[in-house]
C-alpha atoms as a PDB file:
ATOM      1  CA  UNK A   1      -3.267 -27.930  32.195  1.00  0.00           C
ATOM      2  CA  UNK A   2      -3.599 -25.132  34.880  1.00  0.00           C
ATOM      3  CA  UNK A   3      -2.477 -25.834  38.197  1.00  0.00           C
ATOM      4  CA  UNK A   4      -4.608 -23.584  40.289  1.00  0.00           C
ATOM      5  CA  UNK A   5      -7.940 -23.331  38.444  1.00  0.00           C
ATOM      6  CA  UNK A   6     -10.403 -21.364  40.521  1.00  0.00           C
ATOM      7  CA  UNK A   7     -13.280 -23.131  41.544  1.00  0.00           C
ATOM      8  CA  UNK A   8     -16.556 -21.946  40.060  1.00  0.00           C
ATOM      9  CA  UNK A   9     -18.210 -21.591  43.677  1.00  0.00           C
ATOM     10  CA  UNK A  10     -15.484 -18.819  44.151  1.00  0.00           C
ATOM     11  CA  UNK A  11     -16.551 -16.703  41.294  1.00  0.00           C
ATOM     12  CA  UNK A  12     -20.146 -16.957  42.162  1.00  0.00           C
ATOM     13  CA  UNK A  13     -19.211 -15.826  45.723  1.00  0.00           C
ATOM     14  CA  UNK A  14     -17.423 -12.753  44.356  1.00  0.00           C
ATOM     15  CA  UNK A  15     -20.516 -11.827  41.784  1.00  0.00           C
ATOM     16  CA  UNK A  16     -22.942 -12.135  44.882  1.00  0.00           C
ATOM     17  CA  UNK A  17     -20.605 -10.192  47.368  1.00  0.00           C
ATOM     18  CA  UNK A  18     -20.549  -7.430  44.233  1.00  0.00           C
ATOM     19  CA  UNK A  19     -24.248  -7.490  44.073  1.00  0.00           C
ATOM     20  CA  UNK A  20     -24.257  -6.795  47.658  1.00  0.00           C
ATOM     21  CA  UNK A  21     -22.076  -4.088  47.635  1.00  0.00           C
ATOM     22  CA  UNK A  22     -23.964  -2.159  44.930  1.00  0.00           C
ATOM     23  CA  UNK A  23     -27.394  -2.572  46.481  1.00  0.00           C
ATOM     24  CA  UNK A  24     -25.643  -1.469  49.886  1.00  0.00           C
ATOM     25  CA  UNK A  25     -24.609   1.680  48.074  1.00  0.00           C
ATOM     26  CA  UNK A  26     -27.931   2.616  46.832  1.00  0.00           C
ATOM     27  CA  UNK A  27     -28.307   6.357  47.650  1.00  0.00           C
ATOM     28  CA  UNK A  28     -31.538   5.852  48.933  1.00  0.00           C
ATOM     29  CA  UNK A  29     -30.690   3.684  51.724  1.00  0.00           C
ATOM     30  CA  UNK A  30     -28.623   6.967  52.912  1.00  0.00           C
ATOM     31  CA  UNK A  31     -30.747  10.041  51.781  1.00  0.00           C
ATOM     32  CA  UNK A  32     -34.100   8.543  52.290  1.00  0.00           C
ATOM     33  CA  UNK A  33     -33.773   5.833  55.095  1.00  0.00           C
ATOM     34  CA  UNK A  34     -31.112   8.110  57.262  1.00  0.00           C
ATOM     35  CA  UNK A  35     -28.522   5.133  57.105  1.00  0.00           C
ATOM     36  CA  UNK A  36     -25.386   6.855  58.288  1.00  0.00           C
ATOM     37  CA  UNK A  37     -23.069   7.199  55.468  1.00  0.00           C
ATOM     38  CA  UNK A  38     -20.074   6.578  57.040  1.00  0.00           C
ATOM     39  CA  UNK A  39     -17.693   3.293  57.625  1.00  0.00           C
ATOM     40  CA  UNK A  40     -19.837   1.921  60.076  1.00  0.00           C
ATOM     41  CA  UNK A  41     -23.008   2.429  58.304  1.00  0.00           C
ATOM     42  CA  UNK A  42     -21.583   0.892  55.001  1.00  0.00           C
ATOM     43  CA  UNK A  43     -19.914  -1.806  57.130  1.00  0.00           C
ATOM     44  CA  UNK A  44     -23.680  -2.605  58.419  1.00  0.00           C
ATOM     45  CA  UNK A  45     -25.309  -2.240  54.948  1.00  0.00           C
ATOM     46  CA  UNK A  46     -22.978  -4.633  53.411  1.00  0.00           C
ATOM     47  CA  UNK A  47     -23.180  -7.104  56.298  1.00  0.00           C
ATOM     48  CA  UNK A  48     -26.749  -6.640  56.049  1.00  0.00           C
ATOM     49  CA  UNK A  49     -27.110  -7.684  52.597  1.00  0.00           C
ATOM     50  CA  UNK A  50     -24.689 -10.646  52.963  1.00  0.00           C
ATOM     51  CA  UNK A  51     -27.125 -11.776  55.757  1.00  0.00           C
ATOM     52  CA  UNK A  52     -29.961 -11.663  53.663  1.00  0.00           C
ATOM     53  CA  UNK A  53     -28.308 -14.048  50.746  1.00  0.00           C
ATOM     54  CA  UNK A  54     -26.677 -16.393  53.340  1.00  0.00           C
ATOM     55  CA  UNK A  55     -30.354 -16.443  54.815  1.00  0.00           C
ATOM     56  CA  UNK A  56     -31.768 -17.349  51.806  1.00  0.00           C
ATOM     57  CA  UNK A  57     -29.468 -19.776  50.853  1.00  0.00           C
ATOM     58  CA  UNK A  58     -29.940 -21.513  54.065  1.00  0.00           C
ATOM     59  CA  UNK A  59     -30.455 -25.159  54.568  1.00  0.00           C
ATOM     60  CA  UNK A  60     -30.473 -25.490  50.624  1.00  0.00           C
ATOM     61  CA  UNK A  61     -28.200 -28.163  50.130  1.00  0.00           C
ATOM     62  CA  UNK A  62     -24.487 -28.791  49.617  1.00  0.00           C
ATOM     63  CA  UNK A  63     -24.263 -26.425  46.383  1.00  0.00           C
ATOM     64  CA  UNK A  64     -25.748 -23.550  48.417  1.00  0.00           C
ATOM     65  CA  UNK A  65     -23.711 -24.491  51.431  1.00  0.00           C
ATOM     66  CA  UNK A  66     -20.187 -24.126  49.017  1.00  0.00           C
ATOM     67  CA  UNK A  67     -21.930 -20.808  47.517  1.00  0.00           C
ATOM     68  CA  UNK A  68     -22.811 -19.371  51.137  1.00  0.00           C
ATOM     69  CA  UNK A  69     -18.901 -20.051  52.195  1.00  0.00           C
ATOM     70  CA  UNK A  70     -17.726 -18.402  48.992  1.00  0.00           C
ATOM     71  CA  UNK A  71     -19.730 -15.459  49.669  1.00  0.00           C
ATOM     72  CA  UNK A  72     -18.661 -15.019  53.273  1.00  0.00           C
ATOM     73  CA  UNK A  73     -14.802 -15.722  51.853  1.00  0.00           C
ATOM     74  CA  UNK A  74     -15.386 -13.016  49.192  1.00  0.00           C
ATOM     75  CA  UNK A  75     -16.664 -10.516  52.283  1.00  0.00           C
ATOM     76  CA  UNK A  76     -13.994 -11.203  54.681  1.00  0.00           C
ATOM     77  CA  UNK A  77     -11.622 -10.748  51.960  1.00  0.00           C
ATOM     78  CA  UNK A  78     -13.033  -7.568  50.917  1.00  0.00           C
ATOM     79  CA  UNK A  79     -13.015  -6.175  55.001  1.00  0.00           C
ATOM     80  CA  UNK A  80      -9.329  -7.233  54.604  1.00  0.00           C
ATOM     81  CA  UNK A  81      -8.495  -5.236  51.653  1.00  0.00           C
ATOM     82  CA  UNK A  82     -10.611  -2.391  52.716  1.00  0.00           C
ATOM     83  CA  UNK A  83      -8.694  -2.248  56.199  1.00  0.00           C
ATOM     84  CA  UNK A  84      -5.480  -2.176  54.337  1.00  0.00           C
ATOM     85  CA  UNK A  85      -6.286   0.437  51.803  1.00  0.00           C
ATOM     86  CA  UNK A  86      -7.400   2.642  54.924  1.00  0.00           C
ATOM     87  CA  UNK A  87      -4.078   2.512  56.173  1.00  0.00           C
ATOM     88  CA  UNK A  88      -4.144  -0.299  58.990  1.00  0.00           C
ATOM     89  CA  UNK A  89      -0.720  -1.535  59.639  1.00  0.00           C
ATOM     90  CA  UNK A  90      -0.209  -5.290  58.942  1.00  0.00           C
ATOM     91  CA  UNK A  91       0.159  -6.018  62.446  1.00  0.00           C
ATOM     92  CA  UNK A  92      -2.859  -4.451  63.269  1.00  0.00           C
ATOM     93  CA  UNK A  93      -4.868  -6.125  60.653  1.00  0.00           C
ATOM     94  CA  UNK A  94      -5.179  -9.290  62.225  1.00  0.00           C
ATOM     95  CA  UNK A  95      -6.674  -7.850  65.153  1.00  0.00           C
ATOM     96  CA  UNK A  96      -9.189  -5.618  63.648  1.00  0.00           C
ATOM     97  CA  UNK A  97     -10.442  -8.515  61.348  1.00  0.00           C
ATOM     98  CA  UNK A  98     -10.850 -10.968  64.572  1.00  0.00           C
ATOM     99  CA  UNK A  99     -13.132  -7.638  65.723  1.00  0.00           C
ATOM    100  CA  UNK A 100     -15.013  -7.716  62.669  1.00  0.00           C
ATOM    101  CA  UNK A 101     -15.321 -11.332  62.538  1.00  0.00           C
ATOM    102  CA  UNK A 102     -16.880 -11.385  66.023  1.00  0.00           C
ATOM    103  CA  UNK A 103     -18.985  -8.844  64.952  1.00  0.00           C
ATOM    104  CA  UNK A 104     -20.343 -10.569  61.897  1.00  0.00           C
ATOM    105  CA  UNK A 105     -21.174 -13.833  63.719  1.00  0.00           C
ATOM    106  CA  UNK A 106     -22.467 -11.742  66.627  1.00  0.00           C
ATOM    107  CA  UNK A 107     -25.050 -10.168  63.698  1.00  0.00           C
ATOM    108  CA  UNK A 108     -25.683 -13.684  62.194  1.00  0.00           C
ATOM    109  CA  UNK A 109     -26.695 -15.173  65.282  1.00  0.00           C
ATOM    110  CA  UNK A 110     -29.084 -11.997  65.686  1.00  0.00           C
ATOM    111  CA  UNK A 111     -30.379 -11.939  62.171  1.00  0.00           C
ATOM    112  CA  UNK A 112     -31.347 -15.615  62.634  1.00  0.00           C
ATOM    113  CA  UNK A 113     -33.575 -15.054  65.653  1.00  0.00           C
ATOM    114  CA  UNK A 114     -34.951 -11.945  63.966  1.00  0.00           C
ATOM    115  CA  UNK A 115     -35.934 -13.732  60.926  1.00  0.00           C
ATOM    116  CA  UNK A 116     -37.368 -16.841  63.438  1.00  0.00           C
ATOM    117  CA  UNK A 117     -39.749 -14.155  65.022  1.00  0.00           C
ATOM    118  CA  UNK A 118     -41.287 -13.285  62.088  1.00  0.00           C
ATOM    119  CA  UNK A 119     -43.690 -12.021  61.335  1.00  0.00           C
ATOM    120  CA  UNK A 120     -43.271 -10.118  64.557  1.00  0.00           C
ATOM    121  CA  UNK A 121     -40.815  -7.720  63.758  1.00  0.00           C
ATOM    122  CA  UNK A 122     -39.810  -6.285  67.445  1.00  0.00           C
ATOM    123  CA  UNK A 123     -36.439  -8.391  67.145  1.00  0.00           C
ATOM    124  CA  UNK A 124     -35.359  -7.372  63.755  1.00  0.00           C
ATOM    125  CA  UNK A 125     -36.374  -3.485  64.634  1.00  0.00           C
ATOM    126  CA  UNK A 126     -34.291  -3.947  67.811  1.00  0.00           C
ATOM    127  CA  UNK A 127     -31.299  -5.498  65.963  1.00  0.00           C
ATOM    128  CA  UNK A 128     -31.565  -2.592  63.280  1.00  0.00           C
ATOM    129  CA  UNK A 129     -31.726   0.047  65.935  1.00  0.00           C
ATOM    130  CA  UNK A 130     -28.759  -0.880  67.707  1.00  0.00           C
ATOM    131  CA  UNK A 131     -26.148  -2.036  64.688  1.00  0.00           C
ATOM    132  CA  UNK A 132     -27.445   0.222  61.614  1.00  0.00           C
ATOM    133  CA  UNK A 133     -28.363   3.139  63.789  1.00  0.00           C
ATOM    134  CA  UNK A 134     -25.911   2.430  66.168  1.00  0.00           C
ATOM    135  CA  UNK A 135     -24.531   6.103  65.517  1.00  0.00           C
ATOM    136  CA  UNK A 136     -27.761   7.615  64.945  1.00  0.00           C
ATOM    137  CA  UNK A 137     -29.915   6.199  67.793  1.00  0.00           C
ATOM    138  CA  UNK A 138     -32.655   8.729  67.181  1.00  0.00           C
ATOM    139  CA  UNK A 139     -33.373   7.903  63.752  1.00  0.00           C
ATOM    140  CA  UNK A 140     -36.510   6.122  62.514  1.00  0.00           C
ATOM    141  CA  UNK A 141     -36.176   2.435  62.075  1.00  0.00           C
ATOM    142  CA  UNK A 142     -39.120   1.332  60.219  1.00  0.00           C
ATOM    143  CA  UNK A 143     -38.153   2.321  56.893  1.00  0.00           C
ATOM    144  CA  UNK A 144     -34.982   0.265  56.758  1.00  0.00           C
ATOM    145  CA  UNK A 145     -37.003  -2.452  58.561  1.00  0.00           C
ATOM    146  CA  UNK A 146     -39.802  -2.596  55.786  1.00  0.00           C
ATOM    147  CA  UNK A 147     -36.670  -2.468  53.157  1.00  0.00           C
ATOM    148  CA  UNK A 148     -35.230  -5.474  55.139  1.00  0.00           C
ATOM    149  CA  UNK A 149     -38.541  -7.331  54.682  1.00  0.00           C
ATOM    150  CA  UNK A 150     -39.147  -6.563  51.244  1.00  0.00           C
ATOM    151  CA  UNK A 151     -35.660  -7.868  50.323  1.00  0.00           C
ATOM    152  CA  UNK A 152     -36.079 -11.047  52.246  1.00  0.00           C
ATOM    153  CA  UNK A 153     -38.970 -11.477  50.504  1.00  0.00           C
ATOM    154  CA  UNK A 154     -37.797 -10.496  47.006  1.00  0.00           C
ATOM    155  CA  UNK A 155     -34.825 -13.111  47.307  1.00  0.00           C
ATOM    156  CA  UNK A 156     -37.541 -15.891  48.648  1.00  0.00           C
ATOM    157  CA  UNK A 157     -39.158 -15.218  45.236  1.00  0.00           C
ATOM    158  CA  UNK A 158     -36.053 -15.809  43.181  1.00  0.00           C
ATOM    159  CA  UNK A 159     -35.227 -19.644  41.934  1.00  0.00           C
ATOM    160  CA  UNK A 160     -32.501 -20.872  44.145  1.00  0.00           C
ATOM    161  CA  UNK A 161     -30.722 -22.081  40.745  1.00  0.00           C
ATOM    162  CA  UNK A 162     -30.462 -18.456  39.533  1.00  0.00           C
ATOM    163  CA  UNK A 163     -28.879 -16.974  42.694  1.00  0.00           C
ATOM    164  CA  UNK A 164     -26.361 -20.134  43.074  1.00  0.00           C
ATOM    165  CA  UNK A 165     -25.259 -19.211  39.735  1.00  0.00           C
ATOM    166  CA  UNK A 166     -24.488 -15.793  40.701  1.00  0.00           C
ATOM    167  CA  UNK A 167     -27.713 -14.213  38.727  1.00  0.00           C
ATOM    168  CA  UNK A 168     -29.926 -12.691  41.328  1.00  0.00           C
ATOM    169  CA  UNK A 169     -31.379  -9.371  41.774  1.00  0.00           C
ATOM    170  CA  UNK A 170     -32.617  -7.020  44.795  1.00  0.00           C
ATOM    171  CA  UNK A 171     -35.985  -5.536  44.800  1.00  0.00           C
ATOM    172  CA  UNK A 172     -35.713  -1.701  44.743  1.00  0.00           C
ATOM    173  CA  UNK A 173     -34.878   0.515  47.563  1.00  0.00           C
END
């Protein structure tokens, strides 16, 4: 008998987060859509992809809620690990994680508002401009906004059960 069994939703959360990271690292996002290839730019894309999945699972029942929490937990653990790998001292990690958590929750609310405003894309464009393109305020937002909408539509077209089993695919960049 194993004392500390891993919950299946934890494994699904890890799998979904890995899919978010893989998609967020696509070269097209940086080369063709001008997302800054920086720590901040990558943070924004990781967050964006997690937000898209959380949006897809919102209001879809208890299992989806558990998987959403596992995805969020995987995301937070990865941020913590990344800070430590970058050499942030143990005493500073908590403060930095609090700031990142605040950033996440602020973005979560903003994406919720932007998605609720669709088909009007003004909120989404403004959000992407101030987050993804904060370092490059003159960048063109339209390509990444189109990408976000296409990914959201792609996720809405996937069977929920496949996502909840950790078997999902993103659309092309």
